[in-house]
Structure formats: C-alpha cells, structure tokens
Amino acid sequence: MQLDLKKLFESGDQPLNFQYDLDLTDLEQWGEKPFGTPVALKGRVVNRAGIVTLTYSADVAYSTKCARCLEPIQDAMHMEFTHTVVRQLNQESDDDYIVVPNGLLDMDELATDDISLELPIRVVCSEDCKGLCPVCGVNLNKETCDCEVPTWTPGHRNPFEDLL
C-alpha cells in the first residue's frame, strides 16, 4: 500500500489514518514461511509543527518450530512502531528518518522490514522444554531414552566447544 503524504507535508492539518491487511505468506524467515494469515496493520500519520510522524501497530500470527525439540509452535504478537518521515535529509544518510522525496511511502515494504526485525530469532515451546537427545534424537518431552550422554575428560578438547 502506498501512502500519499504530499498534502500532509504541505498543509498538515488533517491526520492520515489507515488500516489494512498485509499478506506476508511468501516471506521466508528462519528458513521457513511463518505467516499463514495476513498481518493486520492500523496506523496514523500526523504533521505537528512540521514534523511528520508515522505511528502504527501490527497484529502478527506466526508459526515456527521449537528451537529445542522441533515441535510446531503457533504464536501471536502485537507490535507498535513509530517513525519520523521527511522529504529529504541535510546529510547523506540517517537511519532515524524515513525519506520519501516524492511524498509516497511504501507502507508494505516498511512494515515488512519492521516486523521481520521484531520477530524472535529463537523460540521455544516452553521454558522447561527438554529438547532432543543429542545421541538418538528422541524428543525428551515425550519419552525417555537409555542413551549415555558423553562426558568430557578434563584436558581433552570438547569437539562441541566451538558451538557453545
């Protein structure tokens, strides 16, 4: 969705409200496509004393796998974002501002970036998840195994220490 902010930059008397669903079903995150339903966006752009501010919320439902036991997880998050929007910058670049020289803001691109950066990198099904057995791979939340977890003798190099 393109937000036309030209009138807002010029007169600034009326705020611009928006609400729509953003389809992110094709977006790949963590090697999978976590969004099965559209993301609900709702926001407002205002010009106060020449400062144009975009504030919006995103209600996100996503699915992924537990980082410990690989069981499927479905979760939802409410996110809120605020950006200052300008037509141009006096310096070369500044990440604190969204620059829209023609007055058109690509809301889909901005929301996709914001949401992607806010999603957790590592998700677990529960804080007490036992994960998978490092030897046989059984889900230790559902069953037990008789595997002996290898112990490391002091003075010998642990081949997994680079991963810790």
C-alpha atoms as a PDB file:
ATOM      1  CA  MET A   1       0.000   0.000   0.000  1.00  0.00           C
ATOM      2  CA  GLN A   2       1.294   3.412  -0.962  1.00  0.00           C
ATOM      3  CA  LEU A   3       0.570   6.243   1.483  1.00  0.00           C
ATOM      4  CA  ASP A   4       0.370   9.618  -0.263  1.00  0.00           C
ATOM      5  CA  LEU A   5       1.823  12.114   2.224  1.00  0.00           C
ATOM      6  CA  LYS A   6       2.109  15.126  -0.115  1.00  0.00           C
ATOM      7  CA  LYS A   7      -0.868  17.009   1.358  1.00  0.00           C
ATOM      8  CA  LEU A   8       0.263  16.156   4.868  1.00  0.00           C
ATOM      9  CA  PHE A   9       3.717  17.664   4.228  1.00  0.00           C
ATOM     10  CA  GLU A  10       2.181  20.814   2.709  1.00  0.00           C
ATOM     11  CA  SER A  11      -0.742  21.658   4.984  1.00  0.00           C
ATOM     12  CA  GLY A  12      -0.555  19.172   7.819  1.00  0.00           C
ATOM     13  CA  ASP A  13      -3.948  19.986   9.259  1.00  0.00           C
ATOM     14  CA  GLN A  14      -5.624  16.597   8.807  1.00  0.00           C
ATOM     15  CA  PRO A  15      -4.031  13.358  10.021  1.00  0.00           C
ATOM     16  CA  LEU A  16      -3.985  10.399   7.662  1.00  0.00           C
ATOM     17  CA  ASN A  17      -5.419   7.201   9.154  1.00  0.00           C
ATOM     18  CA  PHE A  18      -5.023   3.790   7.557  1.00  0.00           C
ATOM     19  CA  GLN A  19      -5.956   0.186   8.251  1.00  0.00           C
ATOM     20  CA  TYR A  20      -5.395  -2.867   6.065  1.00  0.00           C
ATOM     21  CA  ASP A  21      -4.157  -6.464   5.995  1.00  0.00           C
ATOM     22  CA  LEU A  22      -0.641  -7.125   4.713  1.00  0.00           C
ATOM     23  CA  ASP A  23      -0.059 -10.504   3.072  1.00  0.00           C
ATOM     24  CA  LEU A  24       3.317 -11.923   4.165  1.00  0.00           C
ATOM     25  CA  THR A  25       2.625 -15.572   3.311  1.00  0.00           C
ATOM     26  CA  ASP A  26       5.512 -15.626   0.805  1.00  0.00           C
ATOM     27  CA  LEU A  27       8.032 -14.066   3.205  1.00  0.00           C
ATOM     28  CA  GLU A  28      10.748 -16.509   4.280  1.00  0.00           C
ATOM     29  CA  GLN A  29      12.097 -16.229   7.817  1.00  0.00           C
ATOM     30  CA  TRP A  30      14.273 -18.778   9.672  1.00  0.00           C
ATOM     31  CA  GLY A  31      14.304 -20.976   6.557  1.00  0.00           C
ATOM     32  CA  GLU A  32      10.510 -21.335   6.579  1.00  0.00           C
ATOM     33  CA  LYS A  33       7.392 -19.307   5.804  1.00  0.00           C
ATOM     34  CA  PRO A  34       5.937 -18.479   9.234  1.00  0.00           C
ATOM     35  CA  PHE A  35       2.965 -16.316   8.208  1.00  0.00           C
ATOM     36  CA  GLY A  36      -0.164 -18.283   7.343  1.00  0.00           C
ATOM     37  CA  THR A  37      -2.563 -15.365   7.770  1.00  0.00           C
ATOM     38  CA  PRO A  38      -2.319 -11.687   6.813  1.00  0.00           C
ATOM     39  CA  VAL A  39      -0.885  -9.184   9.286  1.00  0.00           C
ATOM     40  CA  ALA A  40      -3.388  -6.581  10.478  1.00  0.00           C
ATOM     41  CA  LEU A  41      -1.923  -3.057  10.264  1.00  0.00           C
ATOM     42  CA  LYS A  42      -3.525   0.029  11.747  1.00  0.00           C
ATOM     43  CA  GLY A  43      -1.922   3.439  11.925  1.00  0.00           C
ATOM     44  CA  ARG A  44      -1.872   7.184  11.667  1.00  0.00           C
ATOM     45  CA  VAL A  45       0.395   9.814  10.108  1.00  0.00           C
ATOM     46  CA  VAL A  46       0.341  13.336  11.583  1.00  0.00           C
ATOM     47  CA  ASN A  47       2.159  16.606  10.918  1.00  0.00           C
ATOM     48  CA  ARG A  48       2.795  18.564  14.100  1.00  0.00           C
ATOM     49  CA  ALA A  49       4.797  21.756  13.725  1.00  0.00           C
ATOM     50  CA  GLY A  50       6.373  20.462  10.517  1.00  0.00           C
ATOM     51  CA  ILE A  51       7.383  17.084  11.956  1.00  0.00           C
ATOM     52  CA  VAL A  52       5.625  14.207  10.195  1.00  0.00           C
ATOM     53  CA  THR A  53       5.271  11.165  12.444  1.00  0.00           C
ATOM     54  CA  LEU A  54       4.033   7.717  11.424  1.00  0.00           C
ATOM     55  CA  THR A  55       2.694   5.515  14.233  1.00  0.00           C
ATOM     56  CA  TYR A  56       1.225   2.095  13.541  1.00  0.00           C
ATOM     57  CA  SER A  57       0.552  -1.277  15.093  1.00  0.00           C
ATOM     58  CA  ALA A  58       0.791  -4.769  13.653  1.00  0.00           C
ATOM     59  CA  ASP A  59      -1.024  -7.834  14.939  1.00  0.00           C
ATOM     60  CA  VAL A  60       1.056 -10.795  13.816  1.00  0.00           C
ATOM     61  CA  ALA A  61       0.254 -14.506  13.982  1.00  0.00           C
ATOM     62  CA  TYR A  62       3.137 -16.808  13.077  1.00  0.00           C
ATOM     63  CA  SER A  63       4.165 -20.443  13.242  1.00  0.00           C
ATOM     64  CA  THR A  64       7.615 -21.922  13.608  1.00  0.00           C
ATOM     65  CA  LYS A  65       9.396 -24.832  15.305  1.00  0.00           C
ATOM     66  CA  CYS A  66      10.732 -25.030  18.833  1.00  0.00           C
ATOM     67  CA  ALA A  67      14.478 -24.407  18.842  1.00  0.00           C
ATOM     68  CA  ARG A  68      14.991 -27.271  21.316  1.00  0.00           C
ATOM     69  CA  CYS A  69      12.571 -30.077  20.378  1.00  0.00           C
ATOM     70  CA  LEU A  70      11.480 -29.042  16.851  1.00  0.00           C
ATOM     71  CA  GLU A  71       7.757 -29.310  17.699  1.00  0.00           C
ATOM     72  CA  PRO A  72       5.472 -26.875  15.844  1.00  0.00           C
ATOM     73  CA  ILE A  73       4.606 -23.630  17.642  1.00  0.00           C
ATOM     74  CA  GLN A  74       1.930 -21.075  16.848  1.00  0.00           C
ATOM     75  CA  ASP A  75       2.115 -17.681  18.498  1.00  0.00           C
ATOM     76  CA  ALA A  76       0.843 -14.134  18.113  1.00  0.00           C
ATOM     77  CA  MET A  77       2.386 -10.752  18.844  1.00  0.00           C
ATOM     78  CA  HIS A  78       1.178  -7.173  18.980  1.00  0.00           C
ATOM     79  CA  MET A  79       3.869  -4.777  17.755  1.00  0.00           C
ATOM     80  CA  GLU A  80       3.950  -0.982  17.739  1.00  0.00           C
ATOM     81  CA  PHE A  81       6.192   1.214  15.594  1.00  0.00           C
ATOM     82  CA  THR A  82       6.922   4.930  15.293  1.00  0.00           C
ATOM     83  CA  HIS A  83       8.914   6.640  12.536  1.00  0.00           C
ATOM     84  CA  THR A  84       9.702  10.239  11.598  1.00  0.00           C
ATOM     85  CA  VAL A  85       9.121  10.832   7.889  1.00  0.00           C
ATOM     86  CA  VAL A  86      10.972  13.515   5.892  1.00  0.00           C
ATOM     87  CA  ARG A  87      11.180  14.564   2.261  1.00  0.00           C
ATOM     88  CA  GLN A  88      14.962  14.970   2.310  1.00  0.00           C
ATOM     89  CA  LEU A  89      17.969  14.888   4.621  1.00  0.00           C
ATOM     90  CA  ASN A  90      20.640  17.532   5.041  1.00  0.00           C
ATOM     91  CA  GLN A  91      23.298  14.826   5.450  1.00  0.00           C
ATOM     92  CA  GLU A  92      23.910  11.723   3.372  1.00  0.00           C
ATOM     93  CA  SER A  93      22.103   9.115   5.475  1.00  0.00           C
ATOM     94  CA  ASP A  94      20.414   8.854   8.808  1.00  0.00           C
ATOM     95  CA  ASP A  95      18.637   5.709   9.979  1.00  0.00           C
ATOM     96  CA  ASP A  96      16.422   7.735  12.315  1.00  0.00           C
ATOM     97  CA  TYR A  97      14.293   9.024   9.426  1.00  0.00           C
ATOM     98  CA  ILE A  98      12.224   7.548   6.614  1.00  0.00           C
ATOM     99  CA  VAL A  99      12.943   9.591   3.459  1.00  0.00           C
ATOM    100  CA  VAL A 100      10.147   9.999   0.909  1.00  0.00           C
ATOM    101  CA  PRO A 101      11.334  12.555  -1.676  1.00  0.00           C
ATOM    102  CA  ASN A 102       8.187  12.194  -3.818  1.00  0.00           C
ATOM    103  CA  GLY A 103       5.815  12.120  -0.821  1.00  0.00           C
ATOM    104  CA  LEU A 104       4.852   8.473  -1.375  1.00  0.00           C
ATOM    105  CA  LEU A 105       5.575   5.961   1.390  1.00  0.00           C
ATOM    106  CA  ASP A 106       5.642   2.237   0.549  1.00  0.00           C
ATOM    107  CA  MET A 107       3.941   1.005   3.703  1.00  0.00           C
ATOM    108  CA  ASP A 108       4.205  -2.679   2.691  1.00  0.00           C
ATOM    109  CA  GLU A 109       7.999  -2.511   2.467  1.00  0.00           C
ATOM    110  CA  LEU A 110       8.357  -0.565   5.712  1.00  0.00           C
ATOM    111  CA  ALA A 111       6.026  -2.866   7.670  1.00  0.00           C
ATOM    112  CA  THR A 112       7.701  -5.998   6.284  1.00  0.00           C
ATOM    113  CA  ASP A 113      11.114  -4.740   7.424  1.00  0.00           C
ATOM    114  CA  ASP A 114       9.836  -3.635  10.848  1.00  0.00           C
ATOM    115  CA  ILE A 115       8.032  -6.915  11.520  1.00  0.00           C
ATOM    116  CA  SER A 116      10.949  -9.062  10.318  1.00  0.00           C
ATOM    117  CA  LEU A 117      13.321  -7.260  12.679  1.00  0.00           C
ATOM    118  CA  GLU A 118      10.998  -7.664  15.681  1.00  0.00           C
ATOM    119  CA  LEU A 119      10.307 -11.384  15.353  1.00  0.00           C
ATOM    120  CA  PRO A 120      12.205 -13.542  17.826  1.00  0.00           C
ATOM    121  CA  ILE A 121      15.153 -15.434  16.376  1.00  0.00           C
ATOM    122  CA  ARG A 122      14.875 -18.358  18.755  1.00  0.00           C
ATOM    123  CA  VAL A 123      11.513 -19.624  20.013  1.00  0.00           C
ATOM    124  CA  VAL A 124      10.927 -22.453  22.491  1.00  0.00           C
ATOM    125  CA  CYS A 125       7.644 -24.253  23.163  1.00  0.00           C
ATOM    126  CA  SER A 126       8.134 -23.825  26.924  1.00  0.00           C
ATOM    127  CA  GLU A 127      10.905 -22.652  29.224  1.00  0.00           C
ATOM    128  CA  ASP A 128      11.282 -26.173  30.620  1.00  0.00           C
ATOM    129  CA  CYS A 129      11.495 -27.865  27.201  1.00  0.00           C
ATOM    130  CA  LYS A 130      13.990 -30.745  27.452  1.00  0.00           C
ATOM    131  CA  GLY A 131      14.802 -30.769  23.742  1.00  0.00           C
ATOM    132  CA  LEU A 132      16.145 -33.705  21.773  1.00  0.00           C
ATOM    133  CA  CYS A 133      18.549 -36.389  22.955  1.00  0.00           C
ATOM    134  CA  PRO A 134      21.964 -35.474  21.495  1.00  0.00           C
ATOM    135  CA  VAL A 135      22.674 -39.151  20.805  1.00  0.00           C
ATOM    136  CA  CYS A 136      19.491 -40.732  19.390  1.00  0.00           C
ATOM    137  CA  GLY A 137      17.380 -37.641  18.669  1.00  0.00           C
ATOM    138  CA  VAL A 138      14.265 -38.657  20.613  1.00  0.00           C
ATOM    139  CA  ASN A 139      12.040 -35.815  21.916  1.00  0.00           C
ATOM    140  CA  LEU A 140      12.778 -35.883  25.664  1.00  0.00           C
ATOM    141  CA  ASN A 141       9.488 -34.115  26.447  1.00  0.00           C
ATOM    142  CA  LYS A 142       7.535 -37.132  25.172  1.00  0.00           C
ATOM    143  CA  GLU A 143       9.724 -40.105  26.030  1.00  0.00           C
ATOM    144  CA  THR A 144      12.961 -41.115  27.678  1.00  0.00           C
ATOM    145  CA  CYS A 145      15.890 -42.988  26.247  1.00  0.00           C
ATOM    146  CA  ASP A 146      18.748 -45.057  27.646  1.00  0.00           C
ATOM    147  CA  CYS A 147      21.481 -43.169  25.824  1.00  0.00           C
ATOM    148  CA  GLU A 148      24.538 -42.147  27.739  1.00  0.00           C
ATOM    149  CA  VAL A 149      25.348 -38.518  27.267  1.00  0.00           C
ATOM    150  CA  PRO A 150      29.057 -38.286  26.512  1.00  0.00           C
ATOM    151  CA  THR A 151      31.210 -36.760  29.222  1.00  0.00           C
ATOM    152  CA  TRP A 152      34.400 -34.924  28.508  1.00  0.00           C
ATOM    153  CA  THR A 153      37.594 -35.629  30.359  1.00  0.00           C
ATOM    154  CA  PRO A 154      39.411 -32.531  31.609  1.00  0.00           C
ATOM    155  CA  GLY A 155      42.402 -31.789  29.444  1.00  0.00           C
ATOM    156  CA  HIS A 156      40.800 -33.223  26.301  1.00  0.00           C
ATOM    157  CA  ARG A 157      39.282 -30.951  23.703  1.00  0.00           C
ATOM    158  CA  ASN A 158      35.481 -30.901  23.574  1.00  0.00           C
ATOM    159  CA  PRO A 159      34.569 -31.058  19.869  1.00  0.00           C
ATOM    160  CA  PHE A 160      31.381 -29.086  20.589  1.00  0.00           C
ATOM    161  CA  GLU A 161      33.015 -26.199  22.467  1.00  0.00           C
ATOM    162  CA  ASP A 162      33.139 -24.096  19.293  1.00  0.00           C
ATOM    163  CA  LEU A 163      29.344 -24.301  19.135  1.00  0.00           C
ATOM    164  CA  LEU A 164      28.803 -23.125  22.731  1.00  0.00           C
END
